[in-house]
């Protein structure tokens, strides 16, 4: 309990420190056009939160993020499984995914704007951010599978499906979960970045772009706070969901063990 209190006290102190530094910078700059104060940003954020359009905008960006994330994770799982089974596919797709991972996100957005409608570009951008990260971690997890477990599976004639479920999946699951956790916040931020350049309707990125065009510094910072909070919330919710699933799996395993005894 004391450790938990110290942890929360540390977080509160850190938040207070940065807020004070922000306020001091605002005083030093002395121009609302260049930097809004924490109070101004909080007031603008409260005003935005009272509008139905605000929640519609956040929901639209979240929907694009969820779609991009689901497509990226699903494609990574299928591709990693295929490349593990057929090394030739790994030689074909591996360099392409390495290029995707190394290319700046802005380049993808600008190219995609030539080919696609503006509301489709954020989904493609988020998809391309998630795919190589999850794929690389999955391949690493599959490659680190214990050879002795594979030999035991062959000895007991598990078959392809049972070997996949009872050997490969447990081996790759930790790295897969870590990749999914790391990429969900990145996917949201990449989606918003694509919205800033593509300017689709009902998008956080569009509101950021408009705030910049009309020199509304308080709105620009308020929407930036929204991006940070939503990104952190997505990562936190994912971690909580993983913990809930792991506890459920452990309880199910204990129940099955008790029945077998």
C-alpha atoms as a PDB file:
ATOM      1  CA  UNK A   1       0.000   0.000   0.000  1.00  0.00           C
ATOM      2  CA  UNK A   2       2.822   2.404   0.853  1.00  0.00           C
ATOM      3  CA  UNK A   3       4.552   1.643  -2.429  1.00  0.00           C
ATOM      4  CA  UNK A   4       1.320   2.384  -4.275  1.00  0.00           C
ATOM      5  CA  UNK A   5       0.936   5.704  -2.469  1.00  0.00           C
ATOM      6  CA  UNK A   6       4.546   6.634  -3.235  1.00  0.00           C
ATOM      7  CA  UNK A   7       4.002   5.785  -6.893  1.00  0.00           C
ATOM      8  CA  UNK A   8       0.910   8.002  -7.120  1.00  0.00           C
ATOM      9  CA  UNK A   9       2.654  10.778  -5.190  1.00  0.00           C
ATOM     10  CA  UNK A  10       5.519  10.622  -7.677  1.00  0.00           C
ATOM     11  CA  UNK A  11       3.136  10.880 -10.604  1.00  0.00           C
ATOM     12  CA  UNK A  12       1.320  13.842  -9.048  1.00  0.00           C
ATOM     13  CA  UNK A  13       4.603  15.604  -8.347  1.00  0.00           C
ATOM     14  CA  UNK A  14       5.752  15.028 -11.916  1.00  0.00           C
ATOM     15  CA  UNK A  15       2.491  16.395 -13.335  1.00  0.00           C
ATOM     16  CA  UNK A  16       2.655  19.429 -11.042  1.00  0.00           C
ATOM     17  CA  UNK A  17       6.272  20.082 -12.006  1.00  0.00           C
ATOM     18  CA  UNK A  18       5.535  20.135 -15.740  1.00  0.00           C
ATOM     19  CA  UNK A  19       2.427  22.247 -15.281  1.00  0.00           C
ATOM     20  CA  UNK A  20       4.444  24.796 -13.318  1.00  0.00           C
ATOM     21  CA  UNK A  21       7.147  24.776 -15.989  1.00  0.00           C
ATOM     22  CA  UNK A  22       4.477  25.293 -18.653  1.00  0.00           C
ATOM     23  CA  UNK A  23       3.050  28.247 -16.689  1.00  0.00           C
ATOM     24  CA  UNK A  24       6.526  29.760 -16.327  1.00  0.00           C
ATOM     25  CA  UNK A  25       7.147  29.404 -20.062  1.00  0.00           C
ATOM     26  CA  UNK A  26       3.815  31.099 -20.725  1.00  0.00           C
ATOM     27  CA  UNK A  27       4.835  33.995 -18.469  1.00  0.00           C
ATOM     28  CA  UNK A  28       8.223  34.234 -20.178  1.00  0.00           C
ATOM     29  CA  UNK A  29       6.768  34.223 -23.705  1.00  0.00           C
ATOM     30  CA  UNK A  30       3.957  36.637 -22.827  1.00  0.00           C
ATOM     31  CA  UNK A  31       2.016  36.112 -26.071  1.00  0.00           C
ATOM     32  CA  UNK A  32      -1.111  33.964 -26.182  1.00  0.00           C
ATOM     33  CA  UNK A  33      -0.650  33.527 -29.923  1.00  0.00           C
ATOM     34  CA  UNK A  34       2.600  31.625 -29.389  1.00  0.00           C
ATOM     35  CA  UNK A  35       1.808  29.737 -26.199  1.00  0.00           C
ATOM     36  CA  UNK A  36      -1.451  29.422 -24.268  1.00  0.00           C
ATOM     37  CA  UNK A  37      -1.484  29.025 -20.516  1.00  0.00           C
ATOM     38  CA  UNK A  38      -2.548  25.788 -18.771  1.00  0.00           C
ATOM     39  CA  UNK A  39      -5.693  27.559 -17.543  1.00  0.00           C
ATOM     40  CA  UNK A  40      -6.620  28.683 -21.055  1.00  0.00           C
ATOM     41  CA  UNK A  41      -6.093  25.184 -22.457  1.00  0.00           C
ATOM     42  CA  UNK A  42      -8.128  23.628 -19.637  1.00  0.00           C
ATOM     43  CA  UNK A  43     -10.970  26.097 -20.241  1.00  0.00           C
ATOM     44  CA  UNK A  44     -10.939  25.420 -23.989  1.00  0.00           C
ATOM     45  CA  UNK A  45     -10.872  21.672 -23.372  1.00  0.00           C
ATOM     46  CA  UNK A  46     -13.845  21.936 -21.030  1.00  0.00           C
ATOM     47  CA  UNK A  47     -15.693  24.007 -23.639  1.00  0.00           C
ATOM     48  CA  UNK A  48     -14.958  21.437 -26.355  1.00  0.00           C
ATOM     49  CA  UNK A  49     -16.037  18.547 -24.153  1.00  0.00           C
ATOM     50  CA  UNK A  50     -19.460  20.158 -23.798  1.00  0.00           C
ATOM     51  CA  UNK A  51     -20.070  19.960 -27.554  1.00  0.00           C
ATOM     52  CA  UNK A  52     -21.536  16.901 -29.256  1.00  0.00           C
ATOM     53  CA  UNK A  53     -19.221  17.518 -32.232  1.00  0.00           C
ATOM     54  CA  UNK A  54     -16.213  16.955 -29.966  1.00  0.00           C
ATOM     55  CA  UNK A  55     -17.275  13.418 -29.056  1.00  0.00           C
ATOM     56  CA  UNK A  56     -18.257  12.663 -32.648  1.00  0.00           C
ATOM     57  CA  UNK A  57     -14.795  13.748 -33.775  1.00  0.00           C
ATOM     58  CA  UNK A  58     -13.017  11.616 -31.165  1.00  0.00           C
ATOM     59  CA  UNK A  59     -15.251   8.640 -31.996  1.00  0.00           C
ATOM     60  CA  UNK A  60     -14.528   8.973 -35.734  1.00  0.00           C
ATOM     61  CA  UNK A  61     -10.770   9.016 -35.174  1.00  0.00           C
ATOM     62  CA  UNK A  62     -11.022   6.083 -32.770  1.00  0.00           C
ATOM     63  CA  UNK A  63     -13.050   4.125 -35.310  1.00  0.00           C
ATOM     64  CA  UNK A  64     -10.362   4.654 -37.952  1.00  0.00           C
ATOM     65  CA  UNK A  65      -7.702   3.617 -35.432  1.00  0.00           C
ATOM     66  CA  UNK A  66      -9.537   0.448 -34.410  1.00  0.00           C
ATOM     67  CA  UNK A  67     -10.043  -0.525 -38.054  1.00  0.00           C
ATOM     68  CA  UNK A  68      -6.392   0.126 -38.932  1.00  0.00           C
ATOM     69  CA  UNK A  69      -5.190  -1.709 -35.809  1.00  0.00           C
ATOM     70  CA  UNK A  70      -7.388  -4.756 -36.394  1.00  0.00           C
ATOM     71  CA  UNK A  71      -6.329  -4.988 -40.036  1.00  0.00           C
ATOM     72  CA  UNK A  72      -2.653  -4.571 -39.134  1.00  0.00           C
ATOM     73  CA  UNK A  73      -2.656  -7.192 -36.384  1.00  0.00           C
ATOM     74  CA  UNK A  74      -4.701  -9.642 -38.449  1.00  0.00           C
ATOM     75  CA  UNK A  75      -2.465  -9.264 -41.496  1.00  0.00           C
ATOM     76  CA  UNK A  76       0.655  -9.626 -39.338  1.00  0.00           C
ATOM     77  CA  UNK A  77      -0.613 -12.872 -37.787  1.00  0.00           C
ATOM     78  CA  UNK A  78      -1.498 -14.378 -41.183  1.00  0.00           C
ATOM     79  CA  UNK A  79       1.752 -13.237 -42.782  1.00  0.00           C
ATOM     80  CA  UNK A  80       3.944 -14.416 -39.903  1.00  0.00           C
ATOM     81  CA  UNK A  81       2.277 -17.825 -39.931  1.00  0.00           C
ATOM     82  CA  UNK A  82       2.702 -18.142 -43.698  1.00  0.00           C
ATOM     83  CA  UNK A  83       6.331 -16.980 -43.638  1.00  0.00           C
ATOM     84  CA  UNK A  84       7.164 -19.400 -40.807  1.00  0.00           C
ATOM     85  CA  UNK A  85       5.692 -22.294 -42.761  1.00  0.00           C
ATOM     86  CA  UNK A  86       7.234 -21.231 -46.104  1.00  0.00           C
ATOM     87  CA  UNK A  87      10.719 -19.650 -45.819  1.00  0.00           C
ATOM     88  CA  UNK A  88      10.471 -18.471 -49.438  1.00  0.00           C
ATOM     89  CA  UNK A  89       7.673 -16.079 -48.413  1.00  0.00           C
ATOM     90  CA  UNK A  90       9.908 -14.716 -45.650  1.00  0.00           C
ATOM     91  CA  UNK A  91      12.551 -13.855 -48.260  1.00  0.00           C
ATOM     92  CA  UNK A  92       9.897 -12.143 -50.378  1.00  0.00           C
ATOM     93  CA  UNK A  93       8.042 -10.135 -47.717  1.00  0.00           C
ATOM     94  CA  UNK A  94      10.815  -9.567 -45.163  1.00  0.00           C
ATOM     95  CA  UNK A  95      12.692  -6.815 -47.068  1.00  0.00           C
ATOM     96  CA  UNK A  96       9.429  -5.083 -48.025  1.00  0.00           C
ATOM     97  CA  UNK A  97       8.286  -4.925 -44.405  1.00  0.00           C
ATOM     98  CA  UNK A  98      11.725  -3.679 -43.339  1.00  0.00           C
ATOM     99  CA  UNK A  99      11.374  -0.842 -45.863  1.00  0.00           C
ATOM    100  CA  UNK A 100       7.883  -0.035 -44.578  1.00  0.00           C
ATOM    101  CA  UNK A 101       9.177   0.116 -41.016  1.00  0.00           C
ATOM    102  CA  UNK A 102      12.079   2.397 -41.949  1.00  0.00           C
ATOM    103  CA  UNK A 103      10.125   4.801 -44.190  1.00  0.00           C
ATOM    104  CA  UNK A 104       8.881   8.021 -42.519  1.00  0.00           C
ATOM    105  CA  UNK A 105       5.152   8.027 -41.904  1.00  0.00           C
ATOM    106  CA  UNK A 106       4.798  11.349 -43.725  1.00  0.00           C
ATOM    107  CA  UNK A 107       6.002   9.753 -46.956  1.00  0.00           C
ATOM    108  CA  UNK A 108       3.259   7.128 -46.763  1.00  0.00           C
ATOM    109  CA  UNK A 109       0.630   9.753 -46.085  1.00  0.00           C
ATOM    110  CA  UNK A 110       1.616  11.957 -49.025  1.00  0.00           C
ATOM    111  CA  UNK A 111       1.764   8.995 -51.419  1.00  0.00           C
ATOM    112  CA  UNK A 112      -1.545   7.616 -50.162  1.00  0.00           C
ATOM    113  CA  UNK A 113      -3.227  10.997 -50.688  1.00  0.00           C
ATOM    114  CA  UNK A 114      -2.427  10.633 -54.395  1.00  0.00           C
ATOM    115  CA  UNK A 115      -4.126   7.230 -54.599  1.00  0.00           C
ATOM    116  CA  UNK A 116      -6.947   7.250 -52.037  1.00  0.00           C
ATOM    117  CA  UNK A 117      -9.723   9.433 -50.658  1.00  0.00           C
ATOM    118  CA  UNK A 118      -8.700  11.472 -47.633  1.00  0.00           C
ATOM    119  CA  UNK A 119     -10.858   9.472 -45.203  1.00  0.00           C
ATOM    120  CA  UNK A 120      -9.148   6.204 -46.241  1.00  0.00           C
ATOM    121  CA  UNK A 121      -5.580   7.480 -45.826  1.00  0.00           C
ATOM    122  CA  UNK A 122      -5.543   7.400 -41.977  1.00  0.00           C
ATOM    123  CA  UNK A 123      -6.642   3.748 -41.987  1.00  0.00           C
ATOM    124  CA  UNK A 124      -3.892   2.777 -44.428  1.00  0.00           C
ATOM    125  CA  UNK A 125      -1.300   4.751 -42.462  1.00  0.00           C
ATOM    126  CA  UNK A 126      -2.214   3.120 -39.155  1.00  0.00           C
ATOM    127  CA  UNK A 127      -2.252  -0.289 -40.832  1.00  0.00           C
ATOM    128  CA  UNK A 128       1.274   0.205 -42.199  1.00  0.00           C
ATOM    129  CA  UNK A 129       2.535   1.302 -38.783  1.00  0.00           C
ATOM    130  CA  UNK A 130       1.160  -1.765 -36.996  1.00  0.00           C
ATOM    131  CA  UNK A 131       1.915  -4.501 -39.541  1.00  0.00           C
ATOM    132  CA  UNK A 132       5.764  -4.556 -39.486  1.00  0.00           C
ATOM    133  CA  UNK A 133       5.999  -4.208 -35.694  1.00  0.00           C
ATOM    134  CA  UNK A 134       3.638  -7.078 -34.907  1.00  0.00           C
ATOM    135  CA  UNK A 135       5.052  -9.210 -37.733  1.00  0.00           C
ATOM    136  CA  UNK A 136       8.666  -8.811 -36.552  1.00  0.00           C
ATOM    137  CA  UNK A 137       7.799  -9.672 -32.946  1.00  0.00           C
ATOM    138  CA  UNK A 138       5.717 -12.658 -33.987  1.00  0.00           C
ATOM    139  CA  UNK A 139       8.541 -14.009 -36.144  1.00  0.00           C
ATOM    140  CA  UNK A 140      10.927 -13.566 -33.227  1.00  0.00           C
ATOM    141  CA  UNK A 141       8.567 -15.406 -30.882  1.00  0.00           C
ATOM    142  CA  UNK A 142       8.066 -18.272 -33.331  1.00  0.00           C
ATOM    143  CA  UNK A 143      11.810 -18.552 -33.961  1.00  0.00           C
ATOM    144  CA  UNK A 144      12.507 -18.753 -30.203  1.00  0.00           C
ATOM    145  CA  UNK A 145      10.260 -21.808 -29.733  1.00  0.00           C
ATOM    146  CA  UNK A 146      12.051 -24.451 -27.665  1.00  0.00           C
ATOM    147  CA  UNK A 147      13.275 -27.236 -30.012  1.00  0.00           C
ATOM    148  CA  UNK A 148      12.756 -29.786 -27.220  1.00  0.00           C
ATOM    149  CA  UNK A 149       9.059 -28.907 -27.088  1.00  0.00           C
ATOM    150  CA  UNK A 150       8.820 -29.372 -30.833  1.00  0.00           C
ATOM    151  CA  UNK A 151      10.558 -32.722 -30.533  1.00  0.00           C
ATOM    152  CA  UNK A 152       8.146 -33.764 -27.799  1.00  0.00           C
ATOM    153  CA  UNK A 153       5.208 -32.721 -29.995  1.00  0.00           C
ATOM    154  CA  UNK A 154       6.549 -34.896 -32.799  1.00  0.00           C
ATOM    155  CA  UNK A 155       7.152 -37.769 -30.403  1.00  0.00           C
ATOM    156  CA  UNK A 156       3.581 -37.679 -29.110  1.00  0.00           C
ATOM    157  CA  UNK A 157       2.209 -37.086 -32.625  1.00  0.00           C
ATOM    158  CA  UNK A 158       0.462 -33.832 -31.809  1.00  0.00           C
ATOM    159  CA  UNK A 159      -0.202 -32.996 -35.429  1.00  0.00           C
ATOM    160  CA  UNK A 160       0.041 -29.541 -36.998  1.00  0.00           C
ATOM    161  CA  UNK A 161      -2.951 -27.980 -35.235  1.00  0.00           C
ATOM    162  CA  UNK A 162      -2.125 -29.200 -31.715  1.00  0.00           C
ATOM    163  CA  UNK A 163       1.527 -28.242 -32.187  1.00  0.00           C
ATOM    164  CA  UNK A 164       0.426 -24.756 -33.220  1.00  0.00           C
ATOM    165  CA  UNK A 165      -1.955 -24.338 -30.274  1.00  0.00           C
ATOM    166  CA  UNK A 166       0.157 -25.929 -27.532  1.00  0.00           C
ATOM    167  CA  UNK A 167       3.720 -25.111 -28.611  1.00  0.00           C
ATOM    168  CA  UNK A 168       3.992 -22.204 -31.043  1.00  0.00           C
ATOM    169  CA  UNK A 169       1.216 -20.015 -29.606  1.00  0.00           C
ATOM    170  CA  UNK A 170       2.504 -20.063 -25.973  1.00  0.00           C
ATOM    171  CA  UNK A 171       6.022 -19.381 -27.230  1.00  0.00           C
ATOM    172  CA  UNK A 172       5.060 -16.407 -29.406  1.00  0.00           C
ATOM    173  CA  UNK A 173       2.380 -14.968 -27.116  1.00  0.00           C
ATOM    174  CA  UNK A 174       4.640 -12.777 -24.877  1.00  0.00           C
ATOM    175  CA  UNK A 175       6.349 -11.031 -27.794  1.00  0.00           C
ATOM    176  CA  UNK A 176       3.041 -10.766 -29.649  1.00  0.00           C
ATOM    177  CA  UNK A 177       1.352  -9.121 -26.664  1.00  0.00           C
ATOM    178  CA  UNK A 178       4.264  -6.708 -26.218  1.00  0.00           C
ATOM    179  CA  UNK A 179       4.097  -5.735 -29.894  1.00  0.00           C
ATOM    180  CA  UNK A 180       0.333  -5.222 -29.747  1.00  0.00           C
ATOM    181  CA  UNK A 181       0.681  -3.028 -26.664  1.00  0.00           C
ATOM    182  CA  UNK A 182       3.470  -0.947 -28.198  1.00  0.00           C
ATOM    183  CA  UNK A 183       1.740  -0.483 -31.546  1.00  0.00           C
ATOM    184  CA  UNK A 184      -1.756   0.524 -30.400  1.00  0.00           C
ATOM    185  CA  UNK A 185      -0.710   3.994 -29.240  1.00  0.00           C
ATOM    186  CA  UNK A 186       1.538   4.367 -32.286  1.00  0.00           C
ATOM    187  CA  UNK A 187      -1.369   3.432 -34.538  1.00  0.00           C
ATOM    188  CA  UNK A 188      -3.575   6.140 -33.034  1.00  0.00           C
ATOM    189  CA  UNK A 189      -0.887   8.825 -33.368  1.00  0.00           C
ATOM    190  CA  UNK A 190      -0.114   7.795 -36.967  1.00  0.00           C
ATOM    191  CA  UNK A 191      -3.827   7.907 -37.774  1.00  0.00           C
ATOM    192  CA  UNK A 192      -4.112  11.431 -36.362  1.00  0.00           C
ATOM    193  CA  UNK A 193      -0.986  12.507 -38.295  1.00  0.00           C
ATOM    194  CA  UNK A 194      -2.583  11.257 -41.511  1.00  0.00           C
ATOM    195  CA  UNK A 195      -5.754  13.167 -40.632  1.00  0.00           C
ATOM    196  CA  UNK A 196      -3.740  16.379 -40.246  1.00  0.00           C
ATOM    197  CA  UNK A 197      -2.439  16.081 -43.809  1.00  0.00           C
ATOM    198  CA  UNK A 198      -5.544  14.534 -45.375  1.00  0.00           C
ATOM    199  CA  UNK A 199      -8.073  16.732 -43.524  1.00  0.00           C
ATOM    200  CA  UNK A 200     -11.059  14.335 -43.636  1.00  0.00           C
ATOM    201  CA  UNK A 201     -14.386  15.254 -42.095  1.00  0.00           C
ATOM    202  CA  UNK A 202     -14.901  14.535 -38.367  1.00  0.00           C
ATOM    203  CA  UNK A 203     -11.294  13.914 -37.385  1.00  0.00           C
ATOM    204  CA  UNK A 204      -9.019  14.996 -34.554  1.00  0.00           C
ATOM    205  CA  UNK A 205      -6.292  15.733 -37.093  1.00  0.00           C
ATOM    206  CA  UNK A 206      -8.623  18.031 -38.995  1.00  0.00           C
ATOM    207  CA  UNK A 207      -9.426  19.948 -35.808  1.00  0.00           C
ATOM    208  CA  UNK A 208      -5.685  20.265 -35.123  1.00  0.00           C
ATOM    209  CA  UNK A 209      -5.107  21.559 -38.645  1.00  0.00           C
ATOM    210  CA  UNK A 210      -7.934  24.093 -38.381  1.00  0.00           C
ATOM    211  CA  UNK A 211      -6.657  25.324 -35.020  1.00  0.00           C
ATOM    212  CA  UNK A 212      -3.252  25.889 -36.570  1.00  0.00           C
ATOM    213  CA  UNK A 213      -4.709  27.683 -39.622  1.00  0.00           C
ATOM    214  CA  UNK A 214      -6.823  30.030 -37.485  1.00  0.00           C
ATOM    215  CA  UNK A 215      -4.003  30.558 -34.939  1.00  0.00           C
ATOM    216  CA  UNK A 216      -6.078  29.170 -32.063  1.00  0.00           C
ATOM    217  CA  UNK A 217      -3.181  28.112 -29.865  1.00  0.00           C
ATOM    218  CA  UNK A 218      -5.390  27.126 -26.936  1.00  0.00           C
ATOM    219  CA  UNK A 219      -7.480  24.835 -29.177  1.00  0.00           C
ATOM    220  CA  UNK A 220      -4.331  23.384 -30.748  1.00  0.00           C
ATOM    221  CA  UNK A 221      -2.927  22.485 -27.332  1.00  0.00           C
ATOM    222  CA  UNK A 222      -6.318  21.251 -26.116  1.00  0.00           C
ATOM    223  CA  UNK A 223      -6.604  18.806 -29.013  1.00  0.00           C
ATOM    224  CA  UNK A 224      -2.989  17.768 -28.420  1.00  0.00           C
ATOM    225  CA  UNK A 225      -3.925  16.931 -24.832  1.00  0.00           C
ATOM    226  CA  UNK A 226      -6.829  14.863 -26.202  1.00  0.00           C
ATOM    227  CA  UNK A 227      -4.443  12.910 -28.453  1.00  0.00           C
ATOM    228  CA  UNK A 228      -2.085  12.213 -25.545  1.00  0.00           C
ATOM    229  CA  UNK A 229      -4.871  11.158 -23.182  1.00  0.00           C
ATOM    230  CA  UNK A 230      -6.592   8.905 -25.723  1.00  0.00           C
ATOM    231  CA  UNK A 231      -3.285   7.274 -26.688  1.00  0.00           C
ATOM    232  CA  UNK A 232      -2.434   6.572 -23.041  1.00  0.00           C
ATOM    233  CA  UNK A 233      -5.968   5.311 -22.374  1.00  0.00           C
ATOM    234  CA  UNK A 234      -5.804   2.889 -25.301  1.00  0.00           C
ATOM    235  CA  UNK A 235      -2.522   1.434 -24.070  1.00  0.00           C
ATOM    236  CA  UNK A 236      -3.838   1.173 -20.513  1.00  0.00           C
ATOM    237  CA  UNK A 237      -7.071  -0.511 -21.607  1.00  0.00           C
ATOM    238  CA  UNK A 238      -5.098  -2.995 -23.665  1.00  0.00           C
ATOM    239  CA  UNK A 239      -2.908  -3.887 -20.677  1.00  0.00           C
ATOM    240  CA  UNK A 240      -5.968  -4.320 -18.436  1.00  0.00           C
ATOM    241  CA  UNK A 241      -7.609  -6.538 -21.064  1.00  0.00           C
ATOM    242  CA  UNK A 242      -4.471  -8.676 -21.293  1.00  0.00           C
ATOM    243  CA  UNK A 243      -4.317  -9.067 -17.516  1.00  0.00           C
ATOM    244  CA  UNK A 244      -8.002 -10.022 -17.414  1.00  0.00           C
ATOM    245  CA  UNK A 245      -7.501 -12.636 -20.142  1.00  0.00           C
ATOM    246  CA  UNK A 246      -4.407 -14.049 -18.443  1.00  0.00           C
ATOM    247  CA  UNK A 247      -6.223 -14.344 -15.108  1.00  0.00           C
ATOM    248  CA  UNK A 248      -9.150 -16.014 -16.827  1.00  0.00           C
ATOM    249  CA  UNK A 249      -6.835 -18.428 -18.607  1.00  0.00           C
ATOM    250  CA  UNK A 250      -5.001 -19.232 -15.375  1.00  0.00           C
ATOM    251  CA  UNK A 251      -8.283 -19.840 -13.541  1.00  0.00           C
ATOM    252  CA  UNK A 252      -9.498 -22.085 -16.354  1.00  0.00           C
ATOM    253  CA  UNK A 253      -6.232 -24.038 -16.291  1.00  0.00           C
ATOM    254  CA  UNK A 254      -6.456 -24.520 -12.530  1.00  0.00           C
ATOM    255  CA  UNK A 255     -10.064 -25.701 -12.844  1.00  0.00           C
ATOM    256  CA  UNK A 256      -9.141 -28.224 -15.529  1.00  0.00           C
ATOM    257  CA  UNK A 257      -6.209 -29.438 -13.419  1.00  0.00           C
ATOM    258  CA  UNK A 258      -8.482 -29.858 -10.400  1.00  0.00           C
ATOM    259  CA  UNK A 259     -10.980 -31.860 -12.441  1.00  0.00           C
ATOM    260  CA  UNK A 260      -8.252 -34.112 -13.800  1.00  0.00           C
ATOM    261  CA  UNK A 261      -7.024 -34.810 -10.267  1.00  0.00           C
END
